[in-house]
């Protein structure tokens, strides 16, 4: 699997909501697998937010764990839309996912293929 970081943004969420979502999802993904590295970044340099964009580096074995983490997090945060990108290309756009979607999420994260 490529080692380029994935970036996650939160659709049309407000900056305040995106900050909250980023913190919560970052914690979930850090707990998903010990090899997952999650950093938060600001979407705009002129804001004082803690970071509304997540940058994730994961090894191949962690793709399933991260997929489970994303699906579980979205199930707990109904209506939140996330967009995952690799090299600027959308590899996953999702909302309202559950456990049946985990294999498709993991495949999208691992291969970088599109999935909506």
PDB file of N, CA and C in Angstrom:
ATOM      1  N   UNK A   1       0.835  -1.172   0.000  1.00  0.00           N
ATOM      2  CA  UNK A   1       0.000   0.000   0.000  1.00  0.00           C
ATOM      3  C   UNK A   1       0.879   1.234   0.000  1.00  0.00           C
ATOM      4  N   UNK A   2       0.467   2.279  -0.717  1.00  0.00           N
ATOM      5  CA  UNK A   2       1.259   3.503  -0.727  1.00  0.00           C
ATOM      6  C   UNK A   2       1.340   4.110   0.666  1.00  0.00           C
ATOM      7  N   UNK A   3       2.437   4.841   0.914  1.00  0.00           N
ATOM      8  CA  UNK A   3       2.611   5.452   2.227  1.00  0.00           C
ATOM      9  C   UNK A   3       2.280   6.939   2.231  1.00  0.00           C
ATOM     10  N   UNK A   4       1.717   7.460   1.137  1.00  0.00           N
ATOM     11  CA  UNK A   4       1.324   8.861   1.122  1.00  0.00           C
ATOM     12  C   UNK A   4       0.253   9.059   2.181  1.00  0.00           C
ATOM     13  N   UNK A   5       0.308  10.196   2.874  1.00  0.00           N
ATOM     14  CA  UNK A   5      -0.720  10.418   3.897  1.00  0.00           C
ATOM     15  C   UNK A   5      -2.097  10.589   3.270  1.00  0.00           C
ATOM     16  N   UNK A   6      -3.095  10.189   4.008  1.00  0.00           N
ATOM     17  CA  UNK A   6      -4.476  10.457   3.656  1.00  0.00           C
ATOM     18  C   UNK A   6      -4.875  11.725   4.377  1.00  0.00           C
ATOM     19  N   UNK A   7      -5.723  12.533   3.779  1.00  0.00           N
ATOM     20  CA  UNK A   7      -6.258  13.692   4.483  1.00  0.00           C
ATOM     21  C   UNK A   7      -7.769  13.532   4.585  1.00  0.00           C
ATOM     22  N   UNK A   8      -8.298  13.920   5.718  1.00  0.00           N
ATOM     23  CA  UNK A   8      -9.729  13.837   5.955  1.00  0.00           C
ATOM     24  C   UNK A   8     -10.248  15.228   6.265  1.00  0.00           C
ATOM     25  N   UNK A   9     -11.307  15.613   5.549  1.00  0.00           N
ATOM     26  CA  UNK A   9     -12.012  16.859   5.828  1.00  0.00           C
ATOM     27  C   UNK A   9     -13.471  16.520   6.104  1.00  0.00           C
ATOM     28  N   UNK A  10     -14.224  17.504   6.559  1.00  0.00           N
ATOM     29  CA  UNK A  10     -15.569  17.255   7.060  1.00  0.00           C
ATOM     30  C   UNK A  10     -16.641  18.016   6.295  1.00  0.00           C
ATOM     31  N   UNK A  11     -16.686  17.806   4.994  1.00  0.00           N
ATOM     32  CA  UNK A  11     -17.747  18.350   4.149  1.00  0.00           C
ATOM     33  C   UNK A  11     -17.993  19.817   4.379  1.00  0.00           C
ATOM     34  N   UNK A  12     -19.259  20.153   4.567  1.00  0.00           N
ATOM     35  CA  UNK A  12     -19.624  21.558   4.725  1.00  0.00           C
ATOM     36  C   UNK A  12     -19.820  21.944   6.189  1.00  0.00           C
ATOM     37  N   UNK A  13     -19.152  21.249   7.097  1.00  0.00           N
ATOM     38  CA  UNK A  13     -19.249  21.560   8.526  1.00  0.00           C
ATOM     39  C   UNK A  13     -18.653  22.938   8.806  1.00  0.00           C
ATOM     40  N   UNK A  14     -19.190  23.585   9.823  1.00  0.00           N
ATOM     41  CA  UNK A  14     -18.613  24.860  10.255  1.00  0.00           C
ATOM     42  C   UNK A  14     -17.217  24.592  10.811  1.00  0.00           C
ATOM     43  N   UNK A  15     -16.414  25.641  10.955  1.00  0.00           N
ATOM     44  CA  UNK A  15     -15.068  25.482  11.504  1.00  0.00           C
ATOM     45  C   UNK A  15     -15.145  24.911  12.919  1.00  0.00           C
ATOM     46  N   UNK A  16     -16.086  25.396  13.720  1.00  0.00           N
ATOM     47  CA  UNK A  16     -16.223  24.893  15.089  1.00  0.00           C
ATOM     48  C   UNK A  16     -16.572  23.409  15.098  1.00  0.00           C
ATOM     49  N   UNK A  17     -17.536  23.014  14.266  1.00  0.00           N
ATOM     50  CA  UNK A  17     -17.912  21.600  14.202  1.00  0.00           C
ATOM     51  C   UNK A  17     -16.771  20.751  13.636  1.00  0.00           C
ATOM     52  N   UNK A  18     -16.116  21.245  12.589  1.00  0.00           N
ATOM     53  CA  UNK A  18     -15.005  20.495  11.996  1.00  0.00           C
ATOM     54  C   UNK A  18     -13.885  20.294  13.002  1.00  0.00           C
ATOM     55  N   UNK A  19     -13.620  21.293  13.843  1.00  0.00           N
ATOM     56  CA  UNK A  19     -12.623  21.149  14.904  1.00  0.00           C
ATOM     57  C   UNK A  19     -13.009  20.028  15.864  1.00  0.00           C
ATOM     58  N   UNK A  20     -14.265  20.034  16.270  1.00  0.00           N
ATOM     59  CA  UNK A  20     -14.757  19.004  17.188  1.00  0.00           C
ATOM     60  C   UNK A  20     -14.687  17.627  16.532  1.00  0.00           C
ATOM     61  N   UNK A  21     -15.138  17.534  15.274  1.00  0.00           N
ATOM     62  CA  UNK A  21     -15.101  16.265  14.547  1.00  0.00           C
ATOM     63  C   UNK A  21     -13.667  15.770  14.382  1.00  0.00           C
ATOM     64  N   UNK A  22     -12.751  16.679  14.025  1.00  0.00           N
ATOM     65  CA  UNK A  22     -11.353  16.297  13.813  1.00  0.00           C
ATOM     66  C   UNK A  22     -10.740  15.733  15.093  1.00  0.00           C
ATOM     67  N   UNK A  23     -11.003  16.379  16.206  1.00  0.00           N
ATOM     68  CA  UNK A  23     -10.462  15.890  17.478  1.00  0.00           C
ATOM     69  C   UNK A  23     -11.006  14.525  17.839  1.00  0.00           C
ATOM     70  N   UNK A  24     -12.302  14.355  17.678  1.00  0.00           N
ATOM     71  CA  UNK A  24     -12.954  13.098  18.017  1.00  0.00           C
ATOM     72  C   UNK A  24     -12.503  11.955  17.103  1.00  0.00           C
ATOM     73  N   UNK A  25     -12.481  12.213  15.789  1.00  0.00           N
ATOM     74  CA  UNK A  25     -12.052  11.165  14.844  1.00  0.00           C
ATOM     75  C   UNK A  25     -10.570  10.852  15.017  1.00  0.00           C
ATOM     76  N   UNK A  26      -9.755  11.870  15.280  1.00  0.00           N
ATOM     77  CA  UNK A  26      -8.321  11.630  15.510  1.00  0.00           C
ATOM     78  C   UNK A  26      -8.118  10.682  16.685  1.00  0.00           C
ATOM     79  N   UNK A  27      -8.844  10.914  17.770  1.00  0.00           N
ATOM     80  CA  UNK A  27      -8.739  10.018  18.931  1.00  0.00           C
ATOM     81  C   UNK A  27      -9.167   8.601  18.580  1.00  0.00           C
ATOM     82  N   UNK A  28     -10.255   8.478  17.837  1.00  0.00           N
ATOM     83  CA  UNK A  28     -10.754   7.164  17.423  1.00  0.00           C
ATOM     84  C   UNK A  28      -9.724   6.435  16.574  1.00  0.00           C
ATOM     85  N   UNK A  29      -9.124   7.134  15.622  1.00  0.00           N
ATOM     86  CA  UNK A  29      -8.168   6.481  14.716  1.00  0.00           C
ATOM     87  C   UNK A  29      -6.863   6.135  15.417  1.00  0.00           C
ATOM     88  N   UNK A  30      -6.428   6.967  16.352  1.00  0.00           N
ATOM     89  CA  UNK A  30      -5.218   6.645  17.124  1.00  0.00           C
ATOM     90  C   UNK A  30      -5.425   5.380  17.948  1.00  0.00           C
ATOM     91  N   UNK A  31      -6.644   5.181  18.424  1.00  0.00           N
ATOM     92  CA  UNK A  31      -6.967   3.986  19.209  1.00  0.00           C
ATOM     93  C   UNK A  31      -7.175   2.753  18.325  1.00  0.00           C
ATOM     94  N   UNK A  32      -7.379   2.959  17.020  1.00  0.00           N
ATOM     95  CA  UNK A  32      -7.706   1.850  16.117  1.00  0.00           C
ATOM     96  C   UNK A  32      -6.544   0.882  15.912  1.00  0.00           C
ATOM     97  N   UNK A  33      -5.326   1.406  15.826  1.00  0.00           N
ATOM     98  CA  UNK A  33      -4.161   0.556  15.555  1.00  0.00           C
ATOM     99  C   UNK A  33      -2.915   1.319  15.992  1.00  0.00           C
ATOM    100  N   UNK A  34      -1.946   0.638  16.606  1.00  0.00           N
ATOM    101  CA  UNK A  34      -0.759   1.341  17.116  1.00  0.00           C
ATOM    102  C   UNK A  34       0.134   1.961  16.036  1.00  0.00           C
ATOM    103  N   UNK A  35       0.012   1.512  14.796  1.00  0.00           N
ATOM    104  CA  UNK A  35       0.887   2.052  13.750  1.00  0.00           C
ATOM    105  C   UNK A  35       0.303   3.276  13.047  1.00  0.00           C
ATOM    106  N   UNK A  36      -0.925   3.660  13.367  1.00  0.00           N
ATOM    107  CA  UNK A  36      -1.571   4.800  12.718  1.00  0.00           C
ATOM    108  C   UNK A  36      -1.028   6.097  13.304  1.00  0.00           C
ATOM    109  N   UNK A  37      -0.614   6.999  12.427  1.00  0.00           N
ATOM    110  CA  UNK A  37      -0.125   8.325  12.831  1.00  0.00           C
ATOM    111  C   UNK A  37      -1.144   9.348  12.345  1.00  0.00           C
ATOM    112  N   UNK A  38      -1.683  10.136  13.271  1.00  0.00           N
ATOM    113  CA  UNK A  38      -2.701  11.133  12.943  1.00  0.00           C
ATOM    114  C   UNK A  38      -2.216  12.503  13.394  1.00  0.00           C
ATOM    115  N   UNK A  39      -2.234  13.469  12.486  1.00  0.00           N
ATOM    116  CA  UNK A  39      -1.896  14.854  12.805  1.00  0.00           C
ATOM    117  C   UNK A  39      -3.052  15.745  12.367  1.00  0.00           C
ATOM    118  N   UNK A  40      -3.243  16.831  13.106  1.00  0.00           N
ATOM    119  CA  UNK A  40      -4.267  17.806  12.741  1.00  0.00           C
ATOM    120  C   UNK A  40      -3.608  19.026  12.125  1.00  0.00           C
ATOM    121  N   UNK A  41      -4.270  19.580  11.094  1.00  0.00           N
ATOM    122  CA  UNK A  41      -3.767  20.772  10.403  1.00  0.00           C
ATOM    123  C   UNK A  41      -4.906  21.764  10.231  1.00  0.00           C
ATOM    124  N   UNK A  42      -4.546  23.026  10.201  1.00  0.00           N
ATOM    125  CA  UNK A  42      -5.540  24.061   9.935  1.00  0.00           C
ATOM    126  C   UNK A  42      -5.870  24.090   8.455  1.00  0.00           C
ATOM    127  N   UNK A  43      -7.134  24.313   8.161  1.00  0.00           N
ATOM    128  CA  UNK A  43      -7.575  24.466   6.774  1.00  0.00           C
ATOM    129  C   UNK A  43      -7.190  25.814   6.198  1.00  0.00           C
ATOM    130  N   UNK A  44      -7.113  26.804   7.087  1.00  0.00           N
ATOM    131  CA  UNK A  44      -6.733  28.154   6.678  1.00  0.00           C
ATOM    132  C   UNK A  44      -5.753  28.707   7.684  1.00  0.00           C
ATOM    133  N   UNK A  45      -4.724  29.361   7.202  1.00  0.00           N
ATOM    134  CA  UNK A  45      -3.681  29.902   8.079  1.00  0.00           C
ATOM    135  C   UNK A  45      -4.165  31.087   8.909  1.00  0.00           C
ATOM    136  N   UNK A  46      -5.235  31.757   8.478  1.00  0.00           N
ATOM    137  CA  UNK A  46      -5.693  32.952   9.184  1.00  0.00           C
ATOM    138  C   UNK A  46      -6.730  32.650  10.271  1.00  0.00           C
ATOM    139  N   UNK A  47      -6.865  31.385  10.661  1.00  0.00           N
ATOM    140  CA  UNK A  47      -7.787  31.025  11.730  1.00  0.00           C
ATOM    141  C   UNK A  47      -7.017  30.558  12.957  1.00  0.00           C
ATOM    142  N   UNK A  48      -7.696  30.519  14.086  1.00  0.00           N
ATOM    143  CA  UNK A  48      -7.054  30.083  15.317  1.00  0.00           C
ATOM    144  C   UNK A  48      -7.527  28.693  15.740  1.00  0.00           C
ATOM    145  N   UNK A  49      -8.110  27.967  14.796  1.00  0.00           N
ATOM    146  CA  UNK A  49      -8.600  26.647  15.152  1.00  0.00           C
ATOM    147  C   UNK A  49      -7.451  25.675  15.407  1.00  0.00           C
ATOM    148  N   UNK A  50      -7.765  24.598  16.097  1.00  0.00           N
ATOM    149  CA  UNK A  50      -6.756  23.586  16.426  1.00  0.00           C
ATOM    150  C   UNK A  50      -6.407  22.726  15.222  1.00  0.00           C
ATOM    151  N   UNK A  51      -7.249  22.725  14.236  1.00  0.00           N
ATOM    152  CA  UNK A  51      -7.009  21.943  13.033  1.00  0.00           C
ATOM    153  C   UNK A  51      -8.256  21.222  12.600  1.00  0.00           C
ATOM    154  N   UNK A  52      -8.725  21.527  11.400  1.00  0.00           N
ATOM    155  CA  UNK A  52      -9.943  20.918  10.878  1.00  0.00           C
ATOM    156  C   UNK A  52      -9.645  19.831   9.860  1.00  0.00           C
ATOM    157  N   UNK A  53      -8.374  19.625   9.557  1.00  0.00           N
ATOM    158  CA  UNK A  53      -7.964  18.608   8.585  1.00  0.00           C
ATOM    159  C   UNK A  53      -7.101  17.585   9.298  1.00  0.00           C
ATOM    160  N   UNK A  54      -7.394  16.315   9.072  1.00  0.00           N
ATOM    161  CA  UNK A  54      -6.577  15.243   9.628  1.00  0.00           C
ATOM    162  C   UNK A  54      -5.672  14.697   8.549  1.00  0.00           C
ATOM    163  N   UNK A  55      -4.430  14.460   8.890  1.00  0.00           N
ATOM    164  CA  UNK A  55      -3.472  13.803   8.013  1.00  0.00           C
ATOM    165  C   UNK A  55      -3.134  12.475   8.663  1.00  0.00           C
ATOM    166  N   UNK A  56      -3.304  11.384   7.911  1.00  0.00           N
ATOM    167  CA  UNK A  56      -3.147  10.044   8.471  1.00  0.00           C
ATOM    168  C   UNK A  56      -2.137   9.256   7.664  1.00  0.00           C
ATOM    169  N   UNK A  57      -1.200   8.634   8.366  1.00  0.00           N
ATOM    170  CA  UNK A  57      -0.253   7.716   7.745  1.00  0.00           C
ATOM    171  C   UNK A  57      -0.510   6.358   8.367  1.00  0.00           C
ATOM    172  N   UNK A  58      -0.745   5.351   7.525  1.00  0.00           N
ATOM    173  CA  UNK A  58      -1.006   4.029   8.049  1.00  0.00           C
ATOM    174  C   UNK A  58      -0.311   2.982   7.211  1.00  0.00           C
ATOM    175  N   UNK A  59       0.044   1.887   7.861  1.00  0.00           N
ATOM    176  CA  UNK A  59       0.633   0.739   7.178  1.00  0.00           C
ATOM    177  C   UNK A  59      -0.500  -0.179   6.734  1.00  0.00           C
ATOM    178  N   UNK A  60      -0.212  -1.075   5.808  1.00  0.00           N
ATOM    179  CA  UNK A  60      -1.229  -1.963   5.248  1.00  0.00           C
ATOM    180  C   UNK A  60      -2.060  -2.683   6.309  1.00  0.00           C
ATOM    181  N   UNK A  61      -1.463  -3.231   7.361  1.00  0.00           N
ATOM    182  CA  UNK A  61      -2.277  -3.945   8.341  1.00  0.00           C
ATOM    183  C   UNK A  61      -3.281  -3.049   9.057  1.00  0.00           C
ATOM    184  N   UNK A  62      -3.061  -1.759   9.038  1.00  0.00           N
ATOM    185  CA  UNK A  62      -3.935  -0.849   9.771  1.00  0.00           C
ATOM    186  C   UNK A  62      -5.154  -0.414   8.960  1.00  0.00           C
ATOM    187  N   UNK A  63      -5.201  -0.714   7.669  1.00  0.00           N
ATOM    188  CA  UNK A  63      -6.310  -0.247   6.828  1.00  0.00           C
ATOM    189  C   UNK A  63      -7.654  -0.746   7.338  1.00  0.00           C
ATOM    190  N   UNK A  64      -7.747  -2.006   7.719  1.00  0.00           N
ATOM    191  CA  UNK A  64      -9.007  -2.549   8.233  1.00  0.00           C
ATOM    192  C   UNK A  64      -9.366  -1.881   9.557  1.00  0.00           C
ATOM    193  N   UNK A  65      -8.389  -1.706  10.439  1.00  0.00           N
ATOM    194  CA  UNK A  65      -8.649  -1.067  11.725  1.00  0.00           C
ATOM    195  C   UNK A  65      -9.118   0.373  11.532  1.00  0.00           C
ATOM    196  N   UNK A  66      -8.496   1.100  10.610  1.00  0.00           N
ATOM    197  CA  UNK A  66      -8.904   2.474  10.335  1.00  0.00           C
ATOM    198  C   UNK A  66     -10.294   2.494   9.709  1.00  0.00           C
ATOM    199  N   UNK A  67     -10.573   1.556   8.801  1.00  0.00           N
ATOM    200  CA  UNK A  67     -11.904   1.471   8.199  1.00  0.00           C
ATOM    201  C   UNK A  67     -12.968   1.232   9.267  1.00  0.00           C
ATOM    202  N   UNK A  68     -12.691   0.333  10.208  1.00  0.00           N
ATOM    203  CA  UNK A  68     -13.623   0.080  11.310  1.00  0.00           C
ATOM    204  C   UNK A  68     -13.790   1.333  12.161  1.00  0.00           C
ATOM    205  N   UNK A  69     -12.681   2.026  12.410  1.00  0.00           N
ATOM    206  CA  UNK A  69     -12.747   3.258  13.197  1.00  0.00           C
ATOM    207  C   UNK A  69     -13.588   4.320  12.524  1.00  0.00           C
ATOM    208  N   UNK A  70     -13.400   4.496  11.218  1.00  0.00           N
ATOM    209  CA  UNK A  70     -14.184   5.488  10.467  1.00  0.00           C
ATOM    210  C   UNK A  70     -15.658   5.111  10.468  1.00  0.00           C
ATOM    211  N   UNK A  71     -15.979   3.858  10.183  1.00  0.00           N
ATOM    212  CA  UNK A  71     -17.376   3.418  10.156  1.00  0.00           C
ATOM    213  C   UNK A  71     -18.035   3.592  11.522  1.00  0.00           C
ATOM    214  N   UNK A  72     -17.333   3.207  12.570  1.00  0.00           N
ATOM    215  CA  UNK A  72     -17.875   3.361  13.916  1.00  0.00           C
ATOM    216  C   UNK A  72     -18.074   4.813  14.294  1.00  0.00           C
ATOM    217  N   UNK A  73     -17.100   5.642  13.939  1.00  0.00           N
ATOM    218  CA  UNK A  73     -17.189   7.068  14.246  1.00  0.00           C
ATOM    219  C   UNK A  73     -18.363   7.697  13.506  1.00  0.00           C
ATOM    220  N   UNK A  74     -18.535   7.356  12.208  1.00  0.00           N
ATOM    221  CA  UNK A  74     -19.655   7.911  11.454  1.00  0.00           C
ATOM    222  C   UNK A  74     -20.995   7.428  12.003  1.00  0.00           C
ATOM    223  N   UNK A  75     -21.041   6.192  12.487  1.00  0.00           N
ATOM    224  CA  UNK A  75     -22.281   5.679  13.074  1.00  0.00           C
ATOM    225  C   UNK A  75     -22.641   6.467  14.334  1.00  0.00           C
ATOM    226  N   UNK A  76     -21.639   6.894  15.095  1.00  0.00           N
ATOM    227  CA  UNK A  76     -21.882   7.681  16.317  1.00  0.00           C
ATOM    228  C   UNK A  76     -22.120   9.157  16.030  1.00  0.00           C
ATOM    229  N   UNK A  77     -21.737   9.612  14.856  1.00  0.00           N
ATOM    230  CA  UNK A  77     -21.858  11.027  14.489  1.00  0.00           C
ATOM    231  C   UNK A  77     -22.733  11.142  13.248  1.00  0.00           C
ATOM    232  N   UNK A  78     -23.993  10.790  13.408  1.00  0.00           N
ATOM    233  CA  UNK A  78     -24.947  10.724  12.301  1.00  0.00           C
ATOM    234  C   UNK A  78     -24.980  12.026  11.506  1.00  0.00           C
ATOM    235  N   UNK A  79     -24.942  11.883  10.208  1.00  0.00           N
ATOM    236  CA  UNK A  79     -25.072  13.027   9.324  1.00  0.00           C
ATOM    237  C   UNK A  79     -23.773  13.717   8.956  1.00  0.00           C
ATOM    238  N   UNK A  80     -22.675  13.406   9.638  1.00  0.00           N
ATOM    239  CA  UNK A  80     -21.396  14.039   9.311  1.00  0.00           C
ATOM    240  C   UNK A  80     -20.868  13.409   8.027  1.00  0.00           C
ATOM    241  N   UNK A  81     -20.436  14.252   7.118  1.00  0.00           N
ATOM    242  CA  UNK A  81     -19.836  13.756   5.880  1.00  0.00           C
ATOM    243  C   UNK A  81     -18.333  13.932   5.976  1.00  0.00           C
ATOM    244  N   UNK A  82     -17.604  12.892   5.600  1.00  0.00           N
ATOM    245  CA  UNK A  82     -16.150  13.017   5.530  1.00  0.00           C
ATOM    246  C   UNK A  82     -15.710  12.813   4.096  1.00  0.00           C
ATOM    247  N   UNK A  83     -14.571  13.403   3.790  1.00  0.00           N
ATOM    248  CA  UNK A  83     -13.954  13.215   2.482  1.00  0.00           C
ATOM    249  C   UNK A  83     -12.500  12.862   2.735  1.00  0.00           C
ATOM    250  N   UNK A  84     -12.078  11.731   2.199  1.00  0.00           N
ATOM    251  CA  UNK A  84     -10.702  11.264   2.355  1.00  0.00           C
ATOM    252  C   UNK A  84     -10.010  11.429   1.016  1.00  0.00           C
ATOM    253  N   UNK A  85      -8.826  12.036   1.048  1.00  0.00           N
ATOM    254  CA  UNK A  85      -8.058  12.268  -0.179  1.00  0.00           C
ATOM    255  C   UNK A  85      -6.657  11.691  -0.041  1.00  0.00           C
ATOM    256  N   UNK A  86      -6.117  11.262  -1.163  1.00  0.00           N
ATOM    257  CA  UNK A  86      -4.717  10.868  -1.257  1.00  0.00           C
ATOM    258  C   UNK A  86      -4.185  11.550  -2.516  1.00  0.00           C
ATOM    259  N   UNK A  87      -3.097  12.292  -2.354  1.00  0.00           N
ATOM    260  CA  UNK A  87      -2.503  13.047  -3.469  1.00  0.00           C
ATOM    261  C   UNK A  87      -3.537  13.952  -4.131  1.00  0.00           C
ATOM    262  N   UNK A  88      -4.420  14.533  -3.339  1.00  0.00           N
ATOM    263  CA  UNK A  88      -5.420  15.447  -3.863  1.00  0.00           C
ATOM    264  C   UNK A  88      -6.625  14.784  -4.496  1.00  0.00           C
ATOM    265  N   UNK A  89      -6.603  13.474  -4.651  1.00  0.00           N
ATOM    266  CA  UNK A  89      -7.696  12.741  -5.291  1.00  0.00           C
ATOM    267  C   UNK A  89      -8.619  12.160  -4.214  1.00  0.00           C
ATOM    268  N   UNK A  90      -9.920  12.366  -4.372  1.00  0.00           N
ATOM    269  CA  UNK A  90     -10.881  11.813  -3.433  1.00  0.00           C
ATOM    270  C   UNK A  90     -10.889  10.291  -3.569  1.00  0.00           C
ATOM    271  N   UNK A  91     -10.622   9.596  -2.451  1.00  0.00           N
ATOM    272  CA  UNK A  91     -10.669   8.129  -2.449  1.00  0.00           C
ATOM    273  C   UNK A  91     -11.871   7.621  -1.674  1.00  0.00           C
ATOM    274  N   UNK A  92     -12.491   8.501  -0.879  1.00  0.00           N
ATOM    275  CA  UNK A  92     -13.657   8.109  -0.098  1.00  0.00           C
ATOM    276  C   UNK A  92     -14.450   9.347   0.271  1.00  0.00           C
ATOM    277  N   UNK A  93     -15.730   9.312  -0.032  1.00  0.00           N
ATOM    278  CA  UNK A  93     -16.660  10.351   0.419  1.00  0.00           C
ATOM    279  C   UNK A  93     -17.779   9.578   1.095  1.00  0.00           C
ATOM    280  N   UNK A  94     -17.993   9.821   2.371  1.00  0.00           N
ATOM    281  CA  UNK A  94     -18.904   8.953   3.098  1.00  0.00           C
ATOM    282  C   UNK A  94     -19.681   9.669   4.181  1.00  0.00           C
ATOM    283  N   UNK A  95     -20.861   9.142   4.446  1.00  0.00           N
ATOM    284  CA  UNK A  95     -21.703   9.514   5.568  1.00  0.00           C
ATOM    285  C   UNK A  95     -22.628   8.334   5.851  1.00  0.00           C
ATOM    286  N   UNK A  96     -23.081   8.193   7.059  1.00  0.00           N
ATOM    287  CA  UNK A  96     -24.016   7.119   7.433  1.00  0.00           C
ATOM    288  C   UNK A  96     -23.505   5.726   7.080  1.00  0.00           C
ATOM    289  N   UNK A  97     -22.289   5.408   7.445  1.00  0.00           N
ATOM    290  CA  UNK A  97     -21.754   4.073   7.180  1.00  0.00           C
ATOM    291  C   UNK A  97     -21.961   3.176   8.395  1.00  0.00           C
ATOM    292  N   UNK A  98     -21.881   1.879   8.162  1.00  0.00           N
ATOM    293  CA  UNK A  98     -21.917   0.934   9.269  1.00  0.00           C
ATOM    294  C   UNK A  98     -20.969  -0.221   8.974  1.00  0.00           C
ATOM    295  N   UNK A  99     -21.033  -1.263   9.788  1.00  0.00           N
ATOM    296  CA  UNK A  99     -20.046  -2.341   9.702  1.00  0.00           C
ATOM    297  C   UNK A  99     -20.050  -3.060   8.355  1.00  0.00           C
ATOM    298  N   UNK A 100     -21.156  -3.096   7.653  1.00  0.00           N
ATOM    299  CA  UNK A 100     -21.168  -3.781   6.350  1.00  0.00           C
ATOM    300  C   UNK A 100     -20.312  -3.045   5.316  1.00  0.00           C
ATOM    301  N   UNK A 101     -20.009  -1.783   5.564  1.00  0.00           N
ATOM    302  CA  UNK A 101     -19.213  -0.983   4.631  1.00  0.00           C
ATOM    303  C   UNK A 101     -17.709  -1.093   4.866  1.00  0.00           C
ATOM    304  N   UNK A 102     -17.288  -1.730   5.947  1.00  0.00           N
ATOM    305  CA  UNK A 102     -15.873  -1.777   6.315  1.00  0.00           C
ATOM    306  C   UNK A 102     -14.982  -2.333   5.211  1.00  0.00           C
ATOM    307  N   UNK A 103     -15.331  -3.460   4.556  1.00  0.00           N
ATOM    308  CA  UNK A 103     -14.444  -3.953   3.487  1.00  0.00           C
ATOM    309  C   UNK A 103     -14.256  -2.947   2.345  1.00  0.00           C
ATOM    310  N   UNK A 104     -15.324  -2.253   1.973  1.00  0.00           N
ATOM    311  CA  UNK A 104     -15.222  -1.260   0.891  1.00  0.00           C
ATOM    312  C   UNK A 104     -14.389  -0.055   1.320  1.00  0.00           C
ATOM    313  N   UNK A 105     -14.538   0.367   2.575  1.00  0.00           N
ATOM    314  CA  UNK A 105     -13.738   1.490   3.079  1.00  0.00           C
ATOM    315  C   UNK A 105     -12.268   1.103   3.093  1.00  0.00           C
ATOM    316  N   UNK A 106     -11.972  -0.077   3.618  1.00  0.00           N
ATOM    317  CA  UNK A 106     -10.578  -0.536   3.694  1.00  0.00           C
ATOM    318  C   UNK A 106      -9.966  -0.627   2.311  1.00  0.00           C
ATOM    319  N   UNK A 107     -10.719  -1.125   1.344  1.00  0.00           N
ATOM    320  CA  UNK A 107     -10.207  -1.223  -0.025  1.00  0.00           C
ATOM    321  C   UNK A 107      -9.919   0.162  -0.590  1.00  0.00           C
ATOM    322  N   UNK A 108     -10.821   1.106  -0.360  1.00  0.00           N
ATOM    323  CA  UNK A 108     -10.615   2.471  -0.849  1.00  0.00           C
ATOM    324  C   UNK A 108      -9.384   3.102  -0.210  1.00  0.00           C
ATOM    325  N   UNK A 109      -9.199   2.885   1.089  1.00  0.00           N
ATOM    326  CA  UNK A 109      -8.043   3.452   1.783  1.00  0.00           C
ATOM    327  C   UNK A 109      -6.743   2.803   1.315  1.00  0.00           C
ATOM    328  N   UNK A 110      -6.777   1.493   1.101  1.00  0.00           N
ATOM    329  CA  UNK A 110      -5.569   0.760   0.731  1.00  0.00           C
ATOM    330  C   UNK A 110      -5.155   1.009  -0.710  1.00  0.00           C
ATOM    331  N   UNK A 111      -6.119   1.050  -1.598  1.00  0.00           N
ATOM    332  CA  UNK A 111      -5.804   1.161  -3.024  1.00  0.00           C
ATOM    333  C   UNK A 111      -5.877   2.584  -3.555  1.00  0.00           C
ATOM    334  N   UNK A 112      -6.609   3.424  -2.874  1.00  0.00           N
ATOM    335  CA  UNK A 112      -6.768   4.788  -3.372  1.00  0.00           C
ATOM    336  C   UNK A 112      -7.791   4.888  -4.476  1.00  0.00           C
ATOM    337  N   UNK A 113      -8.627   3.838  -4.657  1.00  0.00           N
ATOM    338  CA  UNK A 113      -9.687   3.886  -5.664  1.00  0.00           C
ATOM    339  C   UNK A 113     -10.815   4.741  -5.139  1.00  0.00           C
ATOM    340  N   UNK A 114     -11.586   5.296  -6.038  1.00  0.00           N
ATOM    341  CA  UNK A 114     -12.718   6.106  -5.638  1.00  0.00           C
ATOM    342  C   UNK A 114     -13.822   5.280  -5.012  1.00  0.00           C
ATOM    343  N   UNK A 115     -14.536   5.862  -4.063  1.00  0.00           N
ATOM    344  CA  UNK A 115     -15.642   5.216  -3.381  1.00  0.00           C
ATOM    345  C   UNK A 115     -16.499   6.329  -2.829  1.00  0.00           C
ATOM    346  N   UNK A 116     -17.774   6.298  -3.083  1.00  0.00           N
ATOM    347  CA  UNK A 116     -18.685   7.288  -2.516  1.00  0.00           C
ATOM    348  C   UNK A 116     -19.887   6.584  -1.947  1.00  0.00           C
TER     349      UNK A 116
END
